[in-house]
């Protein structure tokens, strides 16, 4: 689990390691749990930013998702968001996020990842074409069918 108040040098090394793992020339290996958390959260950040808007509603939704998913305090969820935003800003390739998540998250949990992503898309009340297109790609790269993604979207809409 990520610790709040960690050293900036540690954060830098962690991000370098994670970036190399996700975006190096080789396919990503199975990620340690903390790295998988950062990768999943960074993917949610990327989805939120895909329509050119990254508002407080979307950020709050991401923090809520990761706090629920990983049983984090608000402070640790914010810390995870910080690391994920840093990773997302440096990461050139969405495909590698999904590959890393696919290898780190059991198949039965991947529809929950898609449902979480849909929660972020729907958080601001506006489904942009860019978000829909990215969601189709993410579901495909995670091995989730259009039908299961549609069910996940309905679940996310509540």
N, C-alpha and C. Protein backbone atom coordinates (compact mmCIF):
# COMPACT_ATOMS: atom_id res chain seq x y z
N UNK A 1 0.84 -1.17 0.00
CA UNK A 1 0.00 0.00 0.00
C UNK A 1 0.89 1.24 0.00
N UNK A 2 0.43 2.30 -0.66
CA UNK A 2 1.18 3.54 -0.68
C UNK A 2 1.11 4.21 0.68
N UNK A 3 2.19 4.77 1.11
CA UNK A 3 2.22 5.49 2.38
C UNK A 3 2.06 6.97 2.10
N UNK A 4 1.31 7.66 2.93
CA UNK A 4 1.19 9.10 2.77
C UNK A 4 2.46 9.75 3.30
N UNK A 5 2.85 10.88 2.70
CA UNK A 5 4.01 11.61 3.17
C UNK A 5 5.34 10.98 2.80
N UNK A 6 5.39 10.13 1.77
CA UNK A 6 6.62 9.47 1.37
C UNK A 6 7.63 10.44 0.79
N UNK A 7 8.87 10.03 0.73
CA UNK A 7 9.94 10.85 0.20
C UNK A 7 9.75 11.06 -1.30
N UNK A 8 10.08 12.26 -1.79
CA UNK A 8 9.92 12.54 -3.22
C UNK A 8 10.88 11.69 -4.06
N UNK A 9 12.05 11.38 -3.52
CA UNK A 9 12.98 10.51 -4.25
C UNK A 9 12.39 9.12 -4.44
N UNK A 10 11.73 8.61 -3.38
CA UNK A 10 11.08 7.31 -3.47
C UNK A 10 9.99 7.34 -4.55
N UNK A 11 9.20 8.41 -4.55
CA UNK A 11 8.12 8.55 -5.54
C UNK A 11 8.72 8.57 -6.93
N UNK A 12 9.80 9.30 -7.10
CA UNK A 12 10.45 9.36 -8.41
C UNK A 12 10.93 7.99 -8.87
N UNK A 13 11.56 7.24 -7.97
CA UNK A 13 12.03 5.89 -8.32
C UNK A 13 10.86 4.97 -8.64
N UNK A 14 9.78 5.08 -7.83
CA UNK A 14 8.61 4.24 -8.06
C UNK A 14 8.00 4.54 -9.43
N UNK A 15 7.86 5.82 -9.77
CA UNK A 15 7.28 6.18 -11.06
C UNK A 15 8.18 5.73 -12.21
N UNK A 16 9.50 5.90 -12.05
CA UNK A 16 10.43 5.44 -13.08
C UNK A 16 10.28 3.93 -13.30
N UNK A 17 10.24 3.18 -12.20
CA UNK A 17 10.09 1.72 -12.29
C UNK A 17 8.77 1.34 -12.97
N UNK A 18 7.70 2.00 -12.55
CA UNK A 18 6.39 1.70 -13.11
C UNK A 18 6.32 2.10 -14.58
N UNK A 19 6.86 3.26 -14.92
CA UNK A 19 6.87 3.68 -16.33
C UNK A 19 7.66 2.69 -17.18
N UNK A 20 8.83 2.26 -16.67
CA UNK A 20 9.63 1.27 -17.41
C UNK A 20 8.86 -0.03 -17.58
N UNK A 21 8.18 -0.45 -16.54
CA UNK A 21 7.40 -1.69 -16.59
C UNK A 21 6.25 -1.57 -17.59
N UNK A 22 5.54 -0.45 -17.53
CA UNK A 22 4.37 -0.28 -18.40
C UNK A 22 4.73 0.08 -19.82
N UNK A 23 5.75 0.91 -19.99
CA UNK A 23 5.98 1.49 -21.30
C UNK A 23 7.34 1.17 -21.91
N UNK A 24 8.04 0.19 -21.32
CA UNK A 24 9.29 -0.26 -21.90
C UNK A 24 9.03 -1.07 -23.17
N UNK A 25 10.08 -1.56 -23.77
CA UNK A 25 9.92 -2.29 -25.03
C UNK A 25 9.33 -3.68 -24.84
N UNK A 26 9.46 -4.21 -23.65
CA UNK A 26 8.93 -5.55 -23.37
C UNK A 26 7.48 -5.45 -22.89
N UNK A 27 6.75 -6.56 -23.03
CA UNK A 27 5.40 -6.61 -22.45
C UNK A 27 5.53 -6.51 -20.93
N UNK A 28 4.56 -5.82 -20.29
CA UNK A 28 4.68 -5.70 -18.83
C UNK A 28 4.52 -7.05 -18.15
N UNK A 29 5.32 -7.25 -17.12
CA UNK A 29 5.18 -8.43 -16.28
C UNK A 29 4.02 -8.18 -15.33
N UNK A 30 3.69 -9.18 -14.54
CA UNK A 30 2.69 -8.97 -13.51
C UNK A 30 3.19 -7.86 -12.59
N UNK A 31 2.32 -6.91 -12.32
CA UNK A 31 2.68 -5.79 -11.48
C UNK A 31 2.43 -6.11 -10.02
N UNK A 32 3.30 -5.61 -9.13
CA UNK A 32 2.98 -5.71 -7.71
C UNK A 32 1.67 -4.97 -7.45
N UNK A 33 0.99 -5.32 -6.38
CA UNK A 33 -0.32 -4.78 -6.08
C UNK A 33 -0.35 -3.25 -6.07
N UNK A 34 0.62 -2.62 -5.41
CA UNK A 34 0.65 -1.16 -5.34
C UNK A 34 0.79 -0.55 -6.72
N UNK A 35 1.62 -1.14 -7.59
CA UNK A 35 1.78 -0.64 -8.95
C UNK A 35 0.51 -0.83 -9.77
N UNK A 36 -0.16 -1.95 -9.57
CA UNK A 36 -1.43 -2.19 -10.28
C UNK A 36 -2.46 -1.14 -9.87
N UNK A 37 -2.46 -0.78 -8.60
CA UNK A 37 -3.38 0.26 -8.12
C UNK A 37 -3.11 1.59 -8.82
N UNK A 38 -1.83 1.95 -8.90
CA UNK A 38 -1.46 3.21 -9.55
C UNK A 38 -1.83 3.14 -11.03
N UNK A 39 -1.57 2.02 -11.68
CA UNK A 39 -1.89 1.89 -13.10
C UNK A 39 -3.39 2.00 -13.34
N UNK A 40 -4.20 1.33 -12.53
CA UNK A 40 -5.65 1.41 -12.69
C UNK A 40 -6.13 2.83 -12.45
N UNK A 41 -5.63 3.47 -11.42
CA UNK A 41 -6.05 4.84 -11.11
C UNK A 41 -5.61 5.79 -12.22
N UNK A 42 -4.42 5.59 -12.76
CA UNK A 42 -3.95 6.42 -13.87
C UNK A 42 -4.83 6.23 -15.10
N UNK A 43 -5.30 5.01 -15.33
CA UNK A 43 -6.21 4.77 -16.45
C UNK A 43 -7.52 5.54 -16.24
N UNK A 44 -8.02 5.56 -15.01
CA UNK A 44 -9.24 6.32 -14.72
C UNK A 44 -9.01 7.82 -14.93
N UNK A 45 -7.84 8.30 -14.55
CA UNK A 45 -7.49 9.70 -14.79
C UNK A 45 -7.45 9.98 -16.29
N UNK A 46 -6.86 9.08 -17.05
CA UNK A 46 -6.78 9.27 -18.50
C UNK A 46 -8.18 9.32 -19.11
N UNK A 47 -9.07 8.45 -18.65
CA UNK A 47 -10.45 8.46 -19.15
C UNK A 47 -11.10 9.80 -18.83
N UNK A 48 -10.92 10.27 -17.59
CA UNK A 48 -11.52 11.54 -17.19
C UNK A 48 -11.01 12.70 -18.04
N UNK A 49 -9.75 12.65 -18.44
CA UNK A 49 -9.16 13.74 -19.23
C UNK A 49 -9.45 13.61 -20.73
N UNK A 50 -9.98 12.48 -21.17
CA UNK A 50 -10.10 12.22 -22.60
C UNK A 50 -11.00 13.19 -23.35
N UNK A 51 -11.93 13.84 -22.66
CA UNK A 51 -12.80 14.80 -23.32
C UNK A 51 -12.30 16.24 -23.19
N UNK A 52 -11.07 16.41 -22.69
CA UNK A 52 -10.50 17.73 -22.55
C UNK A 52 -10.90 18.43 -21.26
N UNK A 53 -11.71 17.78 -20.44
CA UNK A 53 -12.14 18.32 -19.15
C UNK A 53 -11.65 17.36 -18.06
N UNK A 54 -11.21 17.92 -16.97
CA UNK A 54 -10.83 17.11 -15.81
C UNK A 54 -11.30 17.87 -14.59
N UNK A 55 -12.57 17.75 -14.32
CA UNK A 55 -13.17 18.59 -13.28
C UNK A 55 -13.22 17.89 -11.93
N UNK A 56 -13.61 18.65 -10.93
CA UNK A 56 -13.64 18.15 -9.56
C UNK A 56 -14.58 16.97 -9.40
N UNK A 57 -15.68 16.97 -10.13
CA UNK A 57 -16.63 15.86 -10.03
C UNK A 57 -15.96 14.56 -10.44
N UNK A 58 -15.21 14.58 -11.54
CA UNK A 58 -14.51 13.38 -12.00
C UNK A 58 -13.40 12.99 -11.02
N UNK A 59 -12.67 13.95 -10.51
CA UNK A 59 -11.61 13.66 -9.55
C UNK A 59 -12.19 13.04 -8.27
N UNK A 60 -13.29 13.61 -7.80
CA UNK A 60 -13.95 13.06 -6.61
C UNK A 60 -14.42 11.63 -6.87
N UNK A 61 -14.95 11.39 -8.07
CA UNK A 61 -15.43 10.04 -8.42
C UNK A 61 -14.27 9.05 -8.41
N UNK A 62 -13.13 9.43 -8.96
CA UNK A 62 -11.96 8.54 -8.99
C UNK A 62 -11.50 8.25 -7.56
N UNK A 63 -11.40 9.28 -6.73
CA UNK A 63 -11.00 9.05 -5.33
C UNK A 63 -11.97 8.12 -4.62
N UNK A 64 -13.26 8.29 -4.88
CA UNK A 64 -14.27 7.42 -4.26
C UNK A 64 -14.10 5.98 -4.74
N UNK A 65 -13.87 5.80 -6.03
CA UNK A 65 -13.69 4.46 -6.60
C UNK A 65 -12.50 3.76 -5.96
N UNK A 66 -11.34 4.45 -5.92
CA UNK A 66 -10.15 3.79 -5.39
C UNK A 66 -10.24 3.58 -3.88
N UNK A 67 -10.91 4.50 -3.18
CA UNK A 67 -11.09 4.32 -1.73
C UNK A 67 -11.94 3.08 -1.47
N UNK A 68 -13.02 2.91 -2.24
CA UNK A 68 -13.88 1.73 -2.10
C UNK A 68 -13.14 0.46 -2.50
N UNK A 69 -12.52 0.50 -3.67
CA UNK A 69 -11.88 -0.69 -4.23
C UNK A 69 -10.75 -1.21 -3.37
N UNK A 70 -9.96 -0.30 -2.81
CA UNK A 70 -8.76 -0.70 -2.08
C UNK A 70 -8.87 -0.44 -0.58
N UNK A 71 -10.06 -0.08 -0.11
CA UNK A 71 -10.32 0.16 1.31
C UNK A 71 -9.32 1.17 1.87
N UNK A 72 -9.26 2.35 1.24
CA UNK A 72 -8.32 3.39 1.62
C UNK A 72 -9.02 4.52 2.37
N UNK A 73 -8.27 5.15 3.24
CA UNK A 73 -8.75 6.38 3.87
C UNK A 73 -8.78 7.47 2.79
N UNK A 74 -9.50 8.56 3.03
CA UNK A 74 -9.48 9.67 2.06
C UNK A 74 -8.06 10.18 1.78
N UNK A 75 -7.22 10.22 2.79
CA UNK A 75 -5.84 10.70 2.62
C UNK A 75 -5.04 9.77 1.71
N UNK A 76 -5.17 8.46 1.93
CA UNK A 76 -4.44 7.51 1.08
C UNK A 76 -5.01 7.47 -0.34
N UNK A 77 -6.32 7.65 -0.47
CA UNK A 77 -6.92 7.73 -1.81
C UNK A 77 -6.37 8.96 -2.55
N UNK A 78 -6.23 10.08 -1.85
CA UNK A 78 -5.66 11.28 -2.45
C UNK A 78 -4.21 11.05 -2.83
N UNK A 79 -3.46 10.37 -1.98
CA UNK A 79 -2.06 10.05 -2.27
C UNK A 79 -1.95 9.19 -3.53
N UNK A 80 -2.82 8.19 -3.62
CA UNK A 80 -2.85 7.34 -4.81
C UNK A 80 -3.18 8.16 -6.06
N UNK A 81 -4.14 9.07 -5.93
CA UNK A 81 -4.50 9.95 -7.06
C UNK A 81 -3.30 10.78 -7.50
N UNK A 82 -2.56 11.32 -6.54
CA UNK A 82 -1.39 12.13 -6.85
C UNK A 82 -0.40 11.32 -7.70
N UNK A 83 -0.09 10.11 -7.27
CA UNK A 83 0.85 9.27 -8.00
C UNK A 83 0.29 8.89 -9.37
N UNK A 84 -0.98 8.61 -9.43
CA UNK A 84 -1.62 8.22 -10.69
C UNK A 84 -1.64 9.38 -11.68
N UNK A 85 -1.91 10.57 -11.21
CA UNK A 85 -1.90 11.75 -12.09
C UNK A 85 -0.51 11.98 -12.65
N UNK A 86 0.50 11.78 -11.81
CA UNK A 86 1.89 11.92 -12.26
C UNK A 86 2.21 10.88 -13.34
N UNK A 87 1.83 9.64 -13.09
CA UNK A 87 2.05 8.58 -14.07
C UNK A 87 1.32 8.87 -15.36
N UNK A 88 0.05 9.24 -15.27
CA UNK A 88 -0.76 9.50 -16.47
C UNK A 88 -0.14 10.62 -17.30
N UNK A 89 0.38 11.65 -16.65
CA UNK A 89 0.95 12.79 -17.38
C UNK A 89 2.22 12.40 -18.14
N UNK A 90 2.90 11.35 -17.69
CA UNK A 90 4.16 10.92 -18.33
C UNK A 90 3.96 9.74 -19.27
N UNK A 91 2.79 9.14 -19.26
CA UNK A 91 2.57 7.89 -19.99
C UNK A 91 2.03 8.16 -21.38
N UNK A 92 2.72 7.69 -22.40
CA UNK A 92 2.28 7.96 -23.76
C UNK A 92 1.22 6.99 -24.30
N UNK A 93 0.99 5.86 -23.67
CA UNK A 93 0.28 4.78 -24.33
C UNK A 93 -0.79 4.14 -23.45
N UNK A 94 -2.05 4.32 -23.82
CA UNK A 94 -3.17 3.74 -23.08
C UNK A 94 -3.18 2.21 -23.17
N UNK A 95 -2.71 1.69 -24.29
CA UNK A 95 -2.71 0.23 -24.50
C UNK A 95 -1.90 -0.46 -23.40
N UNK A 96 -0.77 0.11 -23.01
CA UNK A 96 0.06 -0.52 -21.98
C UNK A 96 -0.62 -0.52 -20.62
N UNK A 97 -1.40 0.55 -20.32
CA UNK A 97 -2.17 0.53 -19.08
C UNK A 97 -3.07 -0.69 -19.07
N UNK A 98 -3.80 -0.88 -20.14
CA UNK A 98 -4.77 -1.97 -20.17
C UNK A 98 -4.06 -3.32 -20.15
N UNK A 99 -2.92 -3.44 -20.82
CA UNK A 99 -2.17 -4.70 -20.78
C UNK A 99 -1.72 -5.02 -19.36
N UNK A 100 -1.22 -4.00 -18.66
CA UNK A 100 -0.76 -4.21 -17.28
C UNK A 100 -1.92 -4.59 -16.39
N UNK A 101 -3.05 -3.91 -16.56
CA UNK A 101 -4.23 -4.21 -15.74
C UNK A 101 -4.76 -5.59 -16.07
N UNK A 102 -4.78 -5.93 -17.35
CA UNK A 102 -5.28 -7.25 -17.76
C UNK A 102 -4.44 -8.35 -17.13
N UNK A 103 -3.11 -8.13 -17.04
CA UNK A 103 -2.26 -9.17 -16.46
C UNK A 103 -2.33 -9.18 -14.93
N UNK A 104 -2.71 -8.03 -14.32
CA UNK A 104 -2.72 -7.94 -12.86
C UNK A 104 -4.09 -8.19 -12.24
N UNK A 105 -5.15 -8.06 -13.03
CA UNK A 105 -6.51 -8.17 -12.50
C UNK A 105 -7.15 -9.44 -13.05
N UNK A 106 -7.64 -10.31 -12.20
CA UNK A 106 -8.30 -11.52 -12.68
C UNK A 106 -9.48 -11.18 -13.59
N UNK A 107 -9.72 -12.05 -14.55
CA UNK A 107 -10.76 -11.81 -15.54
C UNK A 107 -12.09 -11.42 -14.91
N UNK A 108 -12.47 -12.14 -13.87
CA UNK A 108 -13.79 -11.88 -13.27
C UNK A 108 -13.88 -10.48 -12.67
N UNK A 109 -12.76 -9.83 -12.38
CA UNK A 109 -12.77 -8.48 -11.82
C UNK A 109 -12.66 -7.40 -12.89
N UNK A 110 -12.34 -7.77 -14.12
CA UNK A 110 -12.15 -6.76 -15.16
C UNK A 110 -13.44 -6.02 -15.51
N UNK A 111 -14.58 -6.69 -15.41
CA UNK A 111 -15.84 -5.97 -15.67
C UNK A 111 -16.05 -4.90 -14.60
N UNK A 112 -15.54 -5.14 -13.38
CA UNK A 112 -15.61 -4.11 -12.34
C UNK A 112 -14.72 -2.93 -12.69
N UNK A 113 -13.58 -3.19 -13.32
CA UNK A 113 -12.71 -2.11 -13.79
C UNK A 113 -13.45 -1.28 -14.84
N UNK A 114 -14.13 -1.96 -15.76
CA UNK A 114 -14.90 -1.25 -16.80
C UNK A 114 -16.05 -0.47 -16.17
N UNK A 115 -16.72 -1.05 -15.19
CA UNK A 115 -17.81 -0.34 -14.50
C UNK A 115 -17.25 0.91 -13.79
N UNK A 116 -16.08 0.79 -13.17
CA UNK A 116 -15.45 1.94 -12.52
C UNK A 116 -15.12 3.02 -13.54
N UNK A 117 -14.62 2.60 -14.70
CA UNK A 117 -14.31 3.56 -15.76
C UNK A 117 -15.58 4.27 -16.23
N UNK A 118 -16.67 3.52 -16.37
CA UNK A 118 -17.95 4.13 -16.76
C UNK A 118 -18.42 5.11 -15.69
N UNK A 119 -18.18 4.82 -14.42
CA UNK A 119 -18.56 5.77 -13.36
C UNK A 119 -17.85 7.10 -13.55
N UNK A 120 -16.60 7.05 -13.96
CA UNK A 120 -15.84 8.27 -14.21
C UNK A 120 -16.42 9.01 -15.43
N UNK A 121 -16.69 8.27 -16.50
CA UNK A 121 -17.24 8.88 -17.71
C UNK A 121 -18.57 9.58 -17.40
N UNK A 122 -19.40 8.94 -16.60
CA UNK A 122 -20.74 9.46 -16.32
C UNK A 122 -20.76 10.49 -15.19
N UNK A 123 -19.65 10.67 -14.49
CA UNK A 123 -19.61 11.53 -13.30
C UNK A 123 -20.01 12.97 -13.59
N UNK A 124 -19.59 13.50 -14.73
CA UNK A 124 -19.88 14.91 -15.02
C UNK A 124 -21.20 15.12 -15.75
N UNK A 125 -21.94 14.02 -15.97
CA UNK A 125 -23.25 14.13 -16.62
C UNK A 125 -23.20 14.30 -18.11
N UNK A 126 -22.02 14.20 -18.71
CA UNK A 126 -21.87 14.39 -20.15
C UNK A 126 -20.99 13.29 -20.73
N UNK A 127 -21.55 12.52 -21.66
CA UNK A 127 -20.76 11.47 -22.33
C UNK A 127 -20.25 12.02 -23.66
N UNK A 128 -18.98 12.35 -23.68
CA UNK A 128 -18.36 12.89 -24.90
C UNK A 128 -17.98 11.74 -25.83
N UNK A 129 -17.94 12.04 -27.13
CA UNK A 129 -17.55 11.04 -28.12
C UNK A 129 -16.17 10.46 -27.82
N UNK A 130 -15.24 11.32 -27.35
CA UNK A 130 -13.89 10.86 -27.04
C UNK A 130 -13.91 9.82 -25.92
N UNK A 131 -14.76 10.05 -24.93
CA UNK A 131 -14.86 9.12 -23.82
C UNK A 131 -15.45 7.79 -24.28
N UNK A 132 -16.50 7.84 -25.11
CA UNK A 132 -17.10 6.61 -25.64
C UNK A 132 -16.08 5.81 -26.46
N UNK A 133 -15.33 6.51 -27.30
CA UNK A 133 -14.33 5.83 -28.13
C UNK A 133 -13.25 5.18 -27.26
N UNK A 134 -12.78 5.90 -26.25
CA UNK A 134 -11.75 5.34 -25.37
C UNK A 134 -12.30 4.16 -24.58
N UNK A 135 -13.54 4.26 -24.13
CA UNK A 135 -14.16 3.15 -23.39
C UNK A 135 -14.27 1.89 -24.26
N UNK A 136 -14.62 2.05 -25.53
CA UNK A 136 -14.67 0.88 -26.43
C UNK A 136 -13.30 0.22 -26.53
N UNK A 137 -12.26 1.04 -26.68
CA UNK A 137 -10.90 0.50 -26.77
C UNK A 137 -10.48 -0.19 -25.47
N UNK A 138 -10.74 0.46 -24.35
CA UNK A 138 -10.34 -0.11 -23.06
C UNK A 138 -11.02 -1.44 -22.83
N UNK A 139 -12.33 -1.50 -23.08
CA UNK A 139 -13.06 -2.76 -22.88
C UNK A 139 -12.46 -3.84 -23.78
N UNK A 140 -12.19 -3.49 -25.02
CA UNK A 140 -11.62 -4.47 -25.96
C UNK A 140 -10.25 -4.96 -25.47
N UNK A 141 -9.38 -4.02 -25.06
CA UNK A 141 -8.03 -4.40 -24.62
C UNK A 141 -8.05 -5.18 -23.31
N UNK A 142 -9.08 -4.98 -22.49
CA UNK A 142 -9.22 -5.75 -21.25
C UNK A 142 -9.88 -7.10 -21.49
N UNK A 143 -10.32 -7.35 -22.73
CA UNK A 143 -10.97 -8.61 -23.06
C UNK A 143 -12.43 -8.65 -22.65
N UNK A 144 -13.06 -7.49 -22.52
CA UNK A 144 -14.46 -7.40 -22.12
C UNK A 144 -15.30 -7.17 -23.37
N UNK A 145 -16.36 -7.95 -23.54
CA UNK A 145 -17.22 -7.83 -24.72
C UNK A 145 -18.02 -6.54 -24.67
N UNK A 146 -18.52 -6.11 -25.84
CA UNK A 146 -19.38 -4.92 -25.91
C UNK A 146 -20.59 -5.10 -25.01
N UNK A 147 -21.15 -6.30 -25.00
CA UNK A 147 -22.33 -6.60 -24.19
C UNK A 147 -22.01 -6.41 -22.71
N UNK A 148 -20.89 -6.98 -22.25
CA UNK A 148 -20.51 -6.84 -20.84
C UNK A 148 -20.17 -5.40 -20.49
N UNK A 149 -19.58 -4.66 -21.42
CA UNK A 149 -19.30 -3.24 -21.19
C UNK A 149 -20.61 -2.46 -21.07
N UNK A 150 -21.59 -2.81 -21.90
CA UNK A 150 -22.90 -2.16 -21.83
C UNK A 150 -23.55 -2.45 -20.46
N UNK A 151 -23.47 -3.69 -20.01
CA UNK A 151 -24.02 -4.04 -18.69
C UNK A 151 -23.29 -3.27 -17.59
N UNK A 152 -21.95 -3.15 -17.72
CA UNK A 152 -21.17 -2.40 -16.74
C UNK A 152 -21.56 -0.93 -16.74
N UNK A 153 -21.83 -0.38 -17.94
CA UNK A 153 -22.26 1.02 -18.03
C UNK A 153 -23.61 1.20 -17.33
N UNK A 154 -24.53 0.27 -17.56
CA UNK A 154 -25.83 0.35 -16.89
C UNK A 154 -25.69 0.27 -15.37
N UNK A 155 -24.79 -0.61 -14.92
CA UNK A 155 -24.52 -0.75 -13.48
C UNK A 155 -23.96 0.55 -12.93
N UNK A 156 -23.03 1.15 -13.67
CA UNK A 156 -22.41 2.40 -13.23
C UNK A 156 -23.43 3.55 -13.17
N UNK A 157 -24.38 3.52 -14.10
CA UNK A 157 -25.40 4.57 -14.14
C UNK A 157 -26.36 4.45 -12.98
N UNK A 158 -26.38 3.26 -12.36
CA UNK A 158 -27.13 3.01 -11.14
C UNK A 158 -28.56 2.82 -11.32
